[in-house]
Amino acid sequence: MNLIKYLERFDRLHHMIGTRATGSPAELAEKLDLSKRAVFEYIRVMREMGAPISFCHIRQTYYYERSVRFNMGFCESSNEETKSVEVGEFQITPEFFKELLPVQK
């Protein structure tokens, strides 16, 4: 799958969770044109990234337990940020994305 499409789904899912408009996992899968298994994988990855996601069984929707932002993209960095990247505090490798990509429908 195209990485851009994968990240766009994260952004769309983030918006839907933020507005409590996901519906049940089956409904969410249909809205995102994914399998339920893929939806659960996206939610799992988002939780691993620190998203405080819960599911309300009464309203049948995912929601955030507290306010969060999702930002995936590029912006100009400060000198301090550049130094921390140069010393290798965090490195993303192709294997990182292979583990994240969920199974398609």
PDB file of N, CA and C in Angstrom:
ATOM      1  N   MET A   1       0.844  -1.179   0.000  1.00  0.00           N
ATOM      2  CA  MET A   1       0.000   0.000   0.000  1.00  0.00           C
ATOM      3  C   MET A   1       0.886   1.238   0.000  1.00  0.00           C
ATOM      4  N   ASN A   2       0.379   2.248  -0.612  1.00  0.00           N
ATOM      5  CA  ASN A   2       1.044   3.529  -0.669  1.00  0.00           C
ATOM      6  C   ASN A   2       1.105   4.136   0.735  1.00  0.00           C
ATOM      7  N   LEU A   3       2.294   4.559   1.153  1.00  0.00           N
ATOM      8  CA  LEU A   3       2.486   5.119   2.495  1.00  0.00           C
ATOM      9  C   LEU A   3       1.622   6.361   2.706  1.00  0.00           C
ATOM     10  N   ILE A   4       1.465   7.175   1.697  1.00  0.00           N
ATOM     11  CA  ILE A   4       0.654   8.381   1.828  1.00  0.00           C
ATOM     12  C   ILE A   4      -0.795   8.015   2.139  1.00  0.00           C
ATOM     13  N   LYS A   5      -1.315   7.010   1.455  1.00  0.00           N
ATOM     14  CA  LYS A   5      -2.685   6.574   1.705  1.00  0.00           C
ATOM     15  C   LYS A   5      -2.821   6.038   3.129  1.00  0.00           C
ATOM     16  N   TYR A   6      -1.824   5.317   3.579  1.00  0.00           N
ATOM     17  CA  TYR A   6      -1.813   4.782   4.938  1.00  0.00           C
ATOM     18  C   TYR A   6      -1.870   5.918   5.959  1.00  0.00           C
ATOM     19  N   LEU A   7      -1.052   6.949   5.770  1.00  0.00           N
ATOM     20  CA  LEU A   7      -1.032   8.090   6.687  1.00  0.00           C
ATOM     21  C   LEU A   7      -2.317   8.897   6.600  1.00  0.00           C
ATOM     22  N   GLU A   8      -2.893   9.008   5.399  1.00  0.00           N
ATOM     23  CA  GLU A   8      -4.176   9.705   5.258  1.00  0.00           C
ATOM     24  C   GLU A   8      -5.268   8.979   6.033  1.00  0.00           C
ATOM     25  N   ARG A   9      -5.219   7.642   6.049  1.00  0.00           N
ATOM     26  CA  ARG A   9      -6.205   6.886   6.832  1.00  0.00           C
ATOM     27  C   ARG A   9      -6.027   7.164   8.320  1.00  0.00           C
ATOM     28  N   PHE A  10      -4.777   7.278   8.776  1.00  0.00           N
ATOM     29  CA  PHE A  10      -4.547   7.631  10.177  1.00  0.00           C
ATOM     30  C   PHE A  10      -5.192   8.973  10.481  1.00  0.00           C
ATOM     31  N   ASP A  11      -5.000   9.931   9.598  1.00  0.00           N
ATOM     32  CA  ASP A  11      -5.552  11.264   9.816  1.00  0.00           C
ATOM     33  C   ASP A  11      -7.078  11.214   9.831  1.00  0.00           C
ATOM     34  N   ARG A  12      -7.660  10.503   8.899  1.00  0.00           N
ATOM     35  CA  ARG A  12      -9.132  10.384   8.852  1.00  0.00           C
ATOM     36  C   ARG A  12      -9.654   9.675  10.097  1.00  0.00           C
ATOM     37  N   LEU A  13      -8.987   8.605  10.492  1.00  0.00           N
ATOM     38  CA  LEU A  13      -9.391   7.872  11.691  1.00  0.00           C
ATOM     39  C   LEU A  13      -9.266   8.752  12.924  1.00  0.00           C
ATOM     40  N   HIS A  14      -8.202   9.531  13.006  1.00  0.00           N
ATOM     41  CA  HIS A  14      -8.009  10.457  14.127  1.00  0.00           C
ATOM     42  C   HIS A  14      -9.184  11.440  14.210  1.00  0.00           C
ATOM     43  N   HIS A  15      -9.570  11.986  13.075  1.00  0.00           N
ATOM     44  CA  HIS A  15     -10.691  12.935  13.058  1.00  0.00           C
ATOM     45  C   HIS A  15     -11.981  12.252  13.506  1.00  0.00           C
ATOM     46  N   MET A  16     -12.239  11.048  13.013  1.00  0.00           N
ATOM     47  CA  MET A  16     -13.462  10.332  13.362  1.00  0.00           C
ATOM     48  C   MET A  16     -13.494   9.985  14.849  1.00  0.00           C
ATOM     49  N   ILE A  17     -12.361   9.594  15.397  1.00  0.00           N
ATOM     50  CA  ILE A  17     -12.297   9.285  16.831  1.00  0.00           C
ATOM     51  C   ILE A  17     -12.504  10.566  17.636  1.00  0.00           C
ATOM     52  N   GLY A  18     -11.867  11.649  17.200  1.00  0.00           N
ATOM     53  CA  GLY A  18     -11.986  12.930  17.894  1.00  0.00           C
ATOM     54  C   GLY A  18     -13.406  13.465  17.938  1.00  0.00           C
ATOM     55  N   THR A  19     -14.194  13.152  16.923  1.00  0.00           N
ATOM     56  CA  THR A  19     -15.585  13.618  16.886  1.00  0.00           C
ATOM     57  C   THR A  19     -16.559  12.526  17.325  1.00  0.00           C
ATOM     58  N   ARG A  20     -16.019  11.432  17.796  1.00  0.00           N
ATOM     59  CA  ARG A  20     -16.822  10.280  18.260  1.00  0.00           C
ATOM     60  C   ARG A  20     -17.812   9.836  17.189  1.00  0.00           C
ATOM     61  N   ALA A  21     -17.294   9.705  15.975  1.00  0.00           N
ATOM     62  CA  ALA A  21     -18.145   9.360  14.838  1.00  0.00           C
ATOM     63  C   ALA A  21     -17.685   8.099  14.124  1.00  0.00           C
ATOM     64  N   THR A  22     -17.079   7.160  14.854  1.00  0.00           N
ATOM     65  CA  THR A  22     -16.565   5.954  14.204  1.00  0.00           C
ATOM     66  C   THR A  22     -17.635   4.898  13.989  1.00  0.00           C
ATOM     67  N   GLY A  23     -18.588   4.809  14.904  1.00  0.00           N
ATOM     68  CA  GLY A  23     -19.520   3.696  14.870  1.00  0.00           C
ATOM     69  C   GLY A  23     -18.824   2.450  15.396  1.00  0.00           C
ATOM     70  N   SER A  24     -19.464   1.320  15.235  1.00  0.00           N
ATOM     71  CA  SER A  24     -18.895   0.053  15.684  1.00  0.00           C
ATOM     72  C   SER A  24     -17.676  -0.288  14.819  1.00  0.00           C
ATOM     73  N   PRO A  25     -16.857  -1.256  15.241  1.00  0.00           N
ATOM     74  CA  PRO A  25     -15.724  -1.645  14.398  1.00  0.00           C
ATOM     75  C   PRO A  25     -16.150  -2.050  12.981  1.00  0.00           C
ATOM     76  N   ALA A  26     -17.267  -2.740  12.855  1.00  0.00           N
ATOM     77  CA  ALA A  26     -17.747  -3.139  11.522  1.00  0.00           C
ATOM     78  C   ALA A  26     -18.144  -1.915  10.693  1.00  0.00           C
ATOM     79  N   GLU A  27     -18.828  -0.955  11.321  1.00  0.00           N
ATOM     80  CA  GLU A  27     -19.213   0.274  10.617  1.00  0.00           C
ATOM     81  C   GLU A  27     -17.987   1.088  10.227  1.00  0.00           C
ATOM     82  N   LEU A  28     -17.013   1.147  11.123  1.00  0.00           N
ATOM     83  CA  LEU A  28     -15.786   1.880  10.852  1.00  0.00           C
ATOM     84  C   LEU A  28     -15.023   1.235   9.694  1.00  0.00           C
ATOM     85  N   ALA A  29     -14.979  -0.083   9.683  1.00  0.00           N
ATOM     86  CA  ALA A  29     -14.315  -0.791   8.592  1.00  0.00           C
ATOM     87  C   ALA A  29     -14.957  -0.432   7.257  1.00  0.00           C
ATOM     88  N   GLU A  30     -16.267  -0.369   7.243  1.00  0.00           N
ATOM     89  CA  GLU A  30     -16.980  -0.014   6.014  1.00  0.00           C
ATOM     90  C   GLU A  30     -16.678   1.425   5.602  1.00  0.00           C
ATOM     91  N   LYS A  31     -16.665   2.343   6.571  1.00  0.00           N
ATOM     92  CA  LYS A  31     -16.395   3.755   6.277  1.00  0.00           C
ATOM     93  C   LYS A  31     -14.990   3.949   5.700  1.00  0.00           C
ATOM     94  N   LEU A  32     -14.034   3.160   6.192  1.00  0.00           N
ATOM     95  CA  LEU A  32     -12.645   3.296   5.745  1.00  0.00           C
ATOM     96  C   LEU A  32     -12.298   2.349   4.603  1.00  0.00           C
ATOM     97  N   ASP A  33     -13.261   1.531   4.186  1.00  0.00           N
ATOM     98  CA  ASP A  33     -13.039   0.525   3.138  1.00  0.00           C
ATOM     99  C   ASP A  33     -11.900  -0.424   3.527  1.00  0.00           C
ATOM    100  N   LEU A  34     -11.985  -0.917   4.756  1.00  0.00           N
ATOM    101  CA  LEU A  34     -11.001  -1.861   5.295  1.00  0.00           C
ATOM    102  C   LEU A  34     -11.724  -3.062   5.884  1.00  0.00           C
ATOM    103  N   SER A  35     -10.973  -4.083   6.222  1.00  0.00           N
ATOM    104  CA  SER A  35     -11.535  -5.198   6.971  1.00  0.00           C
ATOM    105  C   SER A  35     -11.574  -4.807   8.448  1.00  0.00           C
ATOM    106  N   LYS A  36     -12.390  -5.512   9.241  1.00  0.00           N
ATOM    107  CA  LYS A  36     -12.403  -5.248  10.689  1.00  0.00           C
ATOM    108  C   LYS A  36     -11.024  -5.507  11.273  1.00  0.00           C
ATOM    109  N   ARG A  37     -10.357  -6.532  10.782  1.00  0.00           N
ATOM    110  CA  ARG A  37      -9.010  -6.859  11.264  1.00  0.00           C
ATOM    111  C   ARG A  37      -8.059  -5.686  11.039  1.00  0.00           C
ATOM    112  N   ALA A  38      -8.138  -5.051   9.867  1.00  0.00           N
ATOM    113  CA  ALA A  38      -7.286  -3.894   9.572  1.00  0.00           C
ATOM    114  C   ALA A  38      -7.617  -2.720  10.491  1.00  0.00           C
ATOM    115  N   VAL A  39      -8.911  -2.530  10.774  1.00  0.00           N
ATOM    116  CA  VAL A  39      -9.311  -1.466  11.697  1.00  0.00           C
ATOM    117  C   VAL A  39      -8.685  -1.699  13.065  1.00  0.00           C
ATOM    118  N   PHE A  40      -8.769  -2.928  13.558  1.00  0.00           N
ATOM    119  CA  PHE A  40      -8.169  -3.243  14.856  1.00  0.00           C
ATOM    120  C   PHE A  40      -6.659  -3.018  14.831  1.00  0.00           C
ATOM    121  N   GLU A  41      -6.024  -3.279  13.696  1.00  0.00           N
ATOM    122  CA  GLU A  41      -4.582  -3.065  13.566  1.00  0.00           C
ATOM    123  C   GLU A  41      -4.256  -1.572  13.593  1.00  0.00           C
ATOM    124  N   TYR A  42      -5.031  -0.752  12.903  1.00  0.00           N
ATOM    125  CA  TYR A  42      -4.823   0.703  12.958  1.00  0.00           C
ATOM    126  C   TYR A  42      -4.971   1.202  14.401  1.00  0.00           C
ATOM    127  N   ILE A  43      -6.013   0.758  15.078  1.00  0.00           N
ATOM    128  CA  ILE A  43      -6.240   1.182  16.465  1.00  0.00           C
ATOM    129  C   ILE A  43      -5.077   0.738  17.346  1.00  0.00           C
ATOM    130  N   ARG A  44      -4.602  -0.489  17.146  1.00  0.00           N
ATOM    131  CA  ARG A  44      -3.471  -1.005  17.931  1.00  0.00           C
ATOM    132  C   ARG A  44      -2.238  -0.129  17.720  1.00  0.00           C
ATOM    133  N   VAL A  45      -1.943   0.199  16.461  1.00  0.00           N
ATOM    134  CA  VAL A  45      -0.771   1.021  16.156  1.00  0.00           C
ATOM    135  C   VAL A  45      -0.921   2.412  16.765  1.00  0.00           C
ATOM    136  N   MET A  46      -2.107   2.993  16.663  1.00  0.00           N
ATOM    137  CA  MET A  46      -2.330   4.320  17.244  1.00  0.00           C
ATOM    138  C   MET A  46      -2.123   4.285  18.759  1.00  0.00           C
ATOM    139  N   ARG A  47      -2.598   3.231  19.404  1.00  0.00           N
ATOM    140  CA  ARG A  47      -2.389   3.100  20.850  1.00  0.00           C
ATOM    141  C   ARG A  47      -0.901   2.975  21.172  1.00  0.00           C
ATOM    142  N   GLU A  48      -0.170   2.204  20.363  1.00  0.00           N
ATOM    143  CA  GLU A  48       1.273   2.069  20.571  1.00  0.00           C
ATOM    144  C   GLU A  48       1.992   3.405  20.402  1.00  0.00           C
ATOM    145  N   MET A  49       1.427   4.271  19.562  1.00  0.00           N
ATOM    146  CA  MET A  49       2.006   5.600  19.346  1.00  0.00           C
ATOM    147  C   MET A  49       1.582   6.581  20.444  1.00  0.00           C
ATOM    148  N   GLY A  50       0.778   6.121  21.393  1.00  0.00           N
ATOM    149  CA  GLY A  50       0.404   6.962  22.534  1.00  0.00           C
ATOM    150  C   GLY A  50      -1.005   7.502  22.515  1.00  0.00           C
ATOM    151  N   ALA A  51      -1.820   7.111  21.545  1.00  0.00           N
ATOM    152  CA  ALA A  51      -3.190   7.612  21.484  1.00  0.00           C
ATOM    153  C   ALA A  51      -4.038   6.956  22.579  1.00  0.00           C
ATOM    154  N   PRO A  52      -4.683   7.769  23.436  1.00  0.00           N
ATOM    155  CA  PRO A  52      -5.501   7.221  24.529  1.00  0.00           C
ATOM    156  C   PRO A  52      -6.912   6.859  24.035  1.00  0.00           C
ATOM    157  N   ILE A  53      -6.995   5.812  23.221  1.00  0.00           N
ATOM    158  CA  ILE A  53      -8.255   5.431  22.578  1.00  0.00           C
ATOM    159  C   ILE A  53      -9.017   4.433  23.434  1.00  0.00           C
ATOM    160  N   SER A  54     -10.300   4.692  23.595  1.00  0.00           N
ATOM    161  CA  SER A  54     -11.214   3.766  24.277  1.00  0.00           C
ATOM    162  C   SER A  54     -12.428   3.559  23.391  1.00  0.00           C
ATOM    163  N   PHE A  55     -13.246   2.584  23.758  1.00  0.00           N
ATOM    164  CA  PHE A  55     -14.469   2.317  23.014  1.00  0.00           C
ATOM    165  C   PHE A  55     -15.655   2.417  23.956  1.00  0.00           C
ATOM    166  N   CYS A  56     -16.682   3.177  23.574  1.00  0.00           N
ATOM    167  CA  CYS A  56     -17.901   3.320  24.364  1.00  0.00           C
ATOM    168  C   CYS A  56     -18.920   2.308  23.831  1.00  0.00           C
ATOM    169  N   HIS A  57     -19.264   1.327  24.646  1.00  0.00           N
ATOM    170  CA  HIS A  57     -20.204   0.293  24.227  1.00  0.00           C
ATOM    171  C   HIS A  57     -21.643   0.824  24.153  1.00  0.00           C
ATOM    172  N   ILE A  58     -21.930   1.873  24.880  1.00  0.00           N
ATOM    173  CA  ILE A  58     -23.272   2.460  24.842  1.00  0.00           C
ATOM    174  C   ILE A  58     -23.476   3.235  23.540  1.00  0.00           C
ATOM    175  N   ARG A  59     -22.543   4.129  23.223  1.00  0.00           N
ATOM    176  CA  ARG A  59     -22.653   4.940  21.991  1.00  0.00           C
ATOM    177  C   ARG A  59     -22.098   4.219  20.768  1.00  0.00           C
ATOM    178  N   GLN A  60     -21.436   3.089  20.975  1.00  0.00           N
ATOM    179  CA  GLN A  60     -20.836   2.320  19.878  1.00  0.00           C
ATOM    180  C   GLN A  60     -19.892   3.176  19.035  1.00  0.00           C
ATOM    181  N   THR A  61     -18.889   3.749  19.716  1.00  0.00           N
ATOM    182  CA  THR A  61     -17.902   4.561  19.010  1.00  0.00           C
ATOM    183  C   THR A  61     -16.586   4.564  19.777  1.00  0.00           C
ATOM    184  N   TYR A  62     -15.509   4.727  19.035  1.00  0.00           N
ATOM    185  CA  TYR A  62     -14.202   4.950  19.662  1.00  0.00           C
ATOM    186  C   TYR A  62     -14.128   6.427  20.037  1.00  0.00           C
ATOM    187  N   TYR A  63     -13.339   6.723  21.071  1.00  0.00           N
ATOM    188  CA  TYR A  63     -13.152   8.116  21.478  1.00  0.00           C
ATOM    189  C   TYR A  63     -11.798   8.246  22.159  1.00  0.00           C
ATOM    190  N   TYR A  64     -11.322   9.484  22.284  1.00  0.00           N
ATOM    191  CA  TYR A  64     -10.081   9.760  23.020  1.00  0.00           C
ATOM    192  C   TYR A  64     -10.431  10.057  24.471  1.00  0.00           C
ATOM    193  N   GLU A  65      -9.677   9.464  25.380  1.00  0.00           N
ATOM    194  CA  GLU A  65      -9.886   9.689  26.814  1.00  0.00           C
ATOM    195  C   GLU A  65      -9.472  11.097  27.218  1.00  0.00           C
ATOM    196  N   ARG A  66      -8.575  11.704  26.465  1.00  0.00           N
ATOM    197  CA  ARG A  66      -8.146  13.084  26.704  1.00  0.00           C
ATOM    198  C   ARG A  66      -7.768  13.687  25.350  1.00  0.00           C
ATOM    199  N   SER A  67      -7.655  14.979  25.299  1.00  0.00           N
ATOM    200  CA  SER A  67      -7.382  15.687  24.062  1.00  0.00           C
ATOM    201  C   SER A  67      -5.974  15.379  23.540  1.00  0.00           C
ATOM    202  N   VAL A  68      -5.893  15.019  22.264  1.00  0.00           N
ATOM    203  CA  VAL A  68      -4.598  14.733  21.638  1.00  0.00           C
ATOM    204  C   VAL A  68      -4.574  15.320  20.240  1.00  0.00           C
ATOM    205  N   ARG A  69      -3.370  15.447  19.693  1.00  0.00           N
ATOM    206  CA  ARG A  69      -3.150  15.897  18.322  1.00  0.00           C
ATOM    207  C   ARG A  69      -2.485  14.775  17.555  1.00  0.00           C
ATOM    208  N   PHE A  70      -2.760  14.687  16.267  1.00  0.00           N
ATOM    209  CA  PHE A  70      -2.037  13.777  15.383  1.00  0.00           C
ATOM    210  C   PHE A  70      -1.415  14.639  14.312  1.00  0.00           C
ATOM    211  N   ASN A  71      -0.104  14.543  14.165  1.00  0.00           N
ATOM    212  CA  ASN A  71       0.600  15.354  13.193  1.00  0.00           C
ATOM    213  C   ASN A  71       1.645  14.490  12.518  1.00  0.00           C
ATOM    214  N   MET A  72       1.430  14.218  11.248  1.00  0.00           N
ATOM    215  CA  MET A  72       2.389  13.426  10.515  1.00  0.00           C
ATOM    216  C   MET A  72       2.694  14.176   9.231  1.00  0.00           C
ATOM    217  N   GLY A  73       3.905  14.631   9.117  1.00  0.00           N
ATOM    218  CA  GLY A  73       4.300  15.394   7.944  1.00  0.00           C
ATOM    219  C   GLY A  73       5.645  16.045   8.216  1.00  0.00           C
ATOM    220  N   PHE A  74       5.997  16.959   7.376  1.00  0.00           N
ATOM    221  CA  PHE A  74       7.288  17.623   7.507  1.00  0.00           C
ATOM    222  C   PHE A  74       7.096  19.102   7.762  1.00  0.00           C
ATOM    223  N   CYS A  75       7.950  19.639   8.613  1.00  0.00           N
ATOM    224  CA  CYS A  75       7.996  21.072   8.846  1.00  0.00           C
ATOM    225  C   CYS A  75       9.440  21.429   9.156  1.00  0.00           C
ATOM    226  N   GLU A  76       9.763  22.681   9.036  1.00  0.00           N
ATOM    227  CA  GLU A  76      11.126  23.119   9.302  1.00  0.00           C
ATOM    228  C   GLU A  76      11.449  22.933  10.780  1.00  0.00           C
ATOM    229  N   SER A  77      12.635  22.420  11.067  1.00  0.00           N
ATOM    230  CA  SER A  77      13.012  22.174  12.459  1.00  0.00           C
ATOM    231  C   SER A  77      13.989  23.239  12.954  1.00  0.00           C
ATOM    232  N   SER A  78      14.034  23.392  14.264  1.00  0.00           N
ATOM    233  CA  SER A  78      14.958  24.335  14.885  1.00  0.00           C
ATOM    234  C   SER A  78      16.336  23.687  14.983  1.00  0.00           C
ATOM    235  N   ASN A  79      17.332  24.485  15.316  1.00  0.00           N
ATOM    236  CA  ASN A  79      18.689  23.950  15.486  1.00  0.00           C
ATOM    237  C   ASN A  79      18.736  22.888  16.575  1.00  0.00           C
ATOM    238  N   GLU A  80      18.002  23.099  17.661  1.00  0.00           N
ATOM    239  CA  GLU A  80      17.987  22.142  18.778  1.00  0.00           C
ATOM    240  C   GLU A  80      17.402  20.804  18.335  1.00  0.00           C
ATOM    241  N   GLU A  81      16.325  20.850  17.571  1.00  0.00           N
ATOM    242  CA  GLU A  81      15.719  19.620  17.066  1.00  0.00           C
ATOM    243  C   GLU A  81      16.662  18.902  16.111  1.00  0.00           C
ATOM    244  N   THR A  82      17.358  19.658  15.269  1.00  0.00           N
ATOM    245  CA  THR A  82      18.292  19.067  14.320  1.00  0.00           C
ATOM    246  C   THR A  82      19.405  18.338  15.057  1.00  0.00           C
ATOM    247  N   LYS A  83      19.914  18.925  16.133  1.00  0.00           N
ATOM    248  CA  LYS A  83      20.973  18.273  16.910  1.00  0.00           C
ATOM    249  C   LYS A  83      20.497  16.948  17.491  1.00  0.00           C
ATOM    250  N   SER A  84      19.264  16.899  18.003  1.00  0.00           N
ATOM    251  CA  SER A  84      18.784  15.660  18.611  1.00  0.00           C
ATOM    252  C   SER A  84      18.612  14.569  17.558  1.00  0.00           C
ATOM    253  N   VAL A  85      18.244  14.935  16.328  1.00  0.00           N
ATOM    254  CA  VAL A  85      18.120  13.940  15.254  1.00  0.00           C
ATOM    255  C   VAL A  85      19.502  13.452  14.843  1.00  0.00           C
ATOM    256  N   GLU A  86      20.476  14.358  14.759  1.00  0.00           N
ATOM    257  CA  GLU A  86      21.815  13.988  14.331  1.00  0.00           C
ATOM    258  C   GLU A  86      22.489  13.022  15.300  1.00  0.00           C
ATOM    259  N   VAL A  87      22.170  13.088  16.576  1.00  0.00           N
ATOM    260  CA  VAL A  87      22.800  12.173  17.528  1.00  0.00           C
ATOM    261  C   VAL A  87      22.049  10.850  17.606  1.00  0.00           C
ATOM    262  N   GLY A  88      20.989  10.706  16.825  1.00  0.00           N
ATOM    263  CA  GLY A  88      20.326   9.416  16.707  1.00  0.00           C
ATOM    264  C   GLY A  88      19.385   9.046  17.831  1.00  0.00           C
ATOM    265  N   GLU A  89      18.618  10.002  18.335  1.00  0.00           N
ATOM    266  CA  GLU A  89      17.666   9.670  19.388  1.00  0.00           C
ATOM    267  C   GLU A  89      16.538   8.786  18.879  1.00  0.00           C
ATOM    268  N   PHE A  90      16.183   8.892  17.614  1.00  0.00           N
ATOM    269  CA  PHE A  90      15.099   8.093  17.054  1.00  0.00           C
ATOM    270  C   PHE A  90      15.372   7.898  15.581  1.00  0.00           C
ATOM    271  N   GLN A  91      15.268   6.671  15.122  1.00  0.00           N
ATOM    272  CA  GLN A  91      15.529   6.395  13.725  1.00  0.00           C
ATOM    273  C   GLN A  91      14.406   5.533  13.166  1.00  0.00           C
ATOM    274  N   ILE A  92      13.830   5.964  12.063  1.00  0.00           N
ATOM    275  CA  ILE A  92      12.787   5.193  11.399  1.00  0.00           C
ATOM    276  C   ILE A  92      13.433   4.455  10.236  1.00  0.00           C
ATOM    277  N   THR A  93      13.270   3.148  10.210  1.00  0.00           N
ATOM    278  CA  THR A  93      13.811   2.318   9.147  1.00  0.00           C
ATOM    279  C   THR A  93      12.664   1.751   8.322  1.00  0.00           C
ATOM    280  N   PRO A  94      12.943   1.213   7.140  1.00  0.00           N
ATOM    281  CA  PRO A  94      11.872   0.596   6.345  1.00  0.00           C
ATOM    282  C   PRO A  94      11.159  -0.521   7.101  1.00  0.00           C
ATOM    283  N   GLU A  95      11.868  -1.235   7.960  1.00  0.00           N
ATOM    284  CA  GLU A  95      11.255  -2.306   8.746  1.00  0.00           C
ATOM    285  C   GLU A  95      10.174  -1.768   9.675  1.00  0.00           C
ATOM    286  N   PHE A  96      10.349  -0.538  10.163  1.00  0.00           N
ATOM    287  CA  PHE A  96       9.360   0.093  11.032  1.00  0.00           C
ATOM    288  C   PHE A  96       8.010   0.146  10.329  1.00  0.00           C
ATOM    289  N   PHE A  97       7.994   0.560   9.061  1.00  0.00           N
ATOM    290  CA  PHE A  97       6.743   0.685   8.325  1.00  0.00           C
ATOM    291  C   PHE A  97       6.179  -0.671   7.927  1.00  0.00           C
ATOM    292  N   LYS A  98       7.036  -1.659   7.658  1.00  0.00           N
ATOM    293  CA  LYS A  98       6.540  -2.994   7.315  1.00  0.00           C
ATOM    294  C   LYS A  98       5.722  -3.575   8.468  1.00  0.00           C
ATOM    295  N   GLU A  99       6.151  -3.320   9.698  1.00  0.00           N
ATOM    296  CA  GLU A  99       5.437  -3.821  10.862  1.00  0.00           C
ATOM    297  C   GLU A  99       4.110  -3.086  11.060  1.00  0.00           C
ATOM    298  N   LEU A 100       4.022  -1.843  10.641  1.00  0.00           N
ATOM    299  CA  LEU A 100       2.824  -1.043  10.856  1.00  0.00           C
ATOM    300  C   LEU A 100       1.716  -1.301   9.846  1.00  0.00           C
ATOM    301  N   LEU A 101       2.069  -1.650   8.636  1.00  0.00           N
ATOM    302  CA  LEU A 101       1.075  -1.734   7.574  1.00  0.00           C
ATOM    303  C   LEU A 101       0.109  -2.877   7.819  1.00  0.00           C
ATOM    304  N   PRO A 102      -1.188  -2.562   7.953  1.00  0.00           N
ATOM    305  CA  PRO A 102      -2.187  -3.605   8.205  1.00  0.00           C
ATOM    306  C   PRO A 102      -2.554  -4.358   6.935  1.00  0.00           C
ATOM    307  N   VAL A 103      -3.167  -5.485   7.119  1.00  0.00           N
ATOM    308  CA  VAL A 103      -3.622  -6.320   6.016  1.00  0.00           C
ATOM    309  C   VAL A 103      -4.820  -5.650   5.357  1.00  0.00           C
ATOM    310  N   GLN A 104      -4.825  -5.617   4.030  1.00  0.00           N
ATOM    311  CA  GLN A 104      -5.922  -5.004   3.295  1.00  0.00           C
ATOM    312  C   GLN A 104      -7.082  -5.975   3.122  1.00  0.00           C
ATOM    313  N   LYS A 105      -8.224  -5.437   2.860  1.00  0.00           N
ATOM    314  CA  LYS A 105      -9.461  -6.172   2.643  1.00  0.00           C
ATOM    315  C   LYS A 105      -9.379  -7.012   1.383  1.00  0.00           C
TER     316      LYS A 105
END
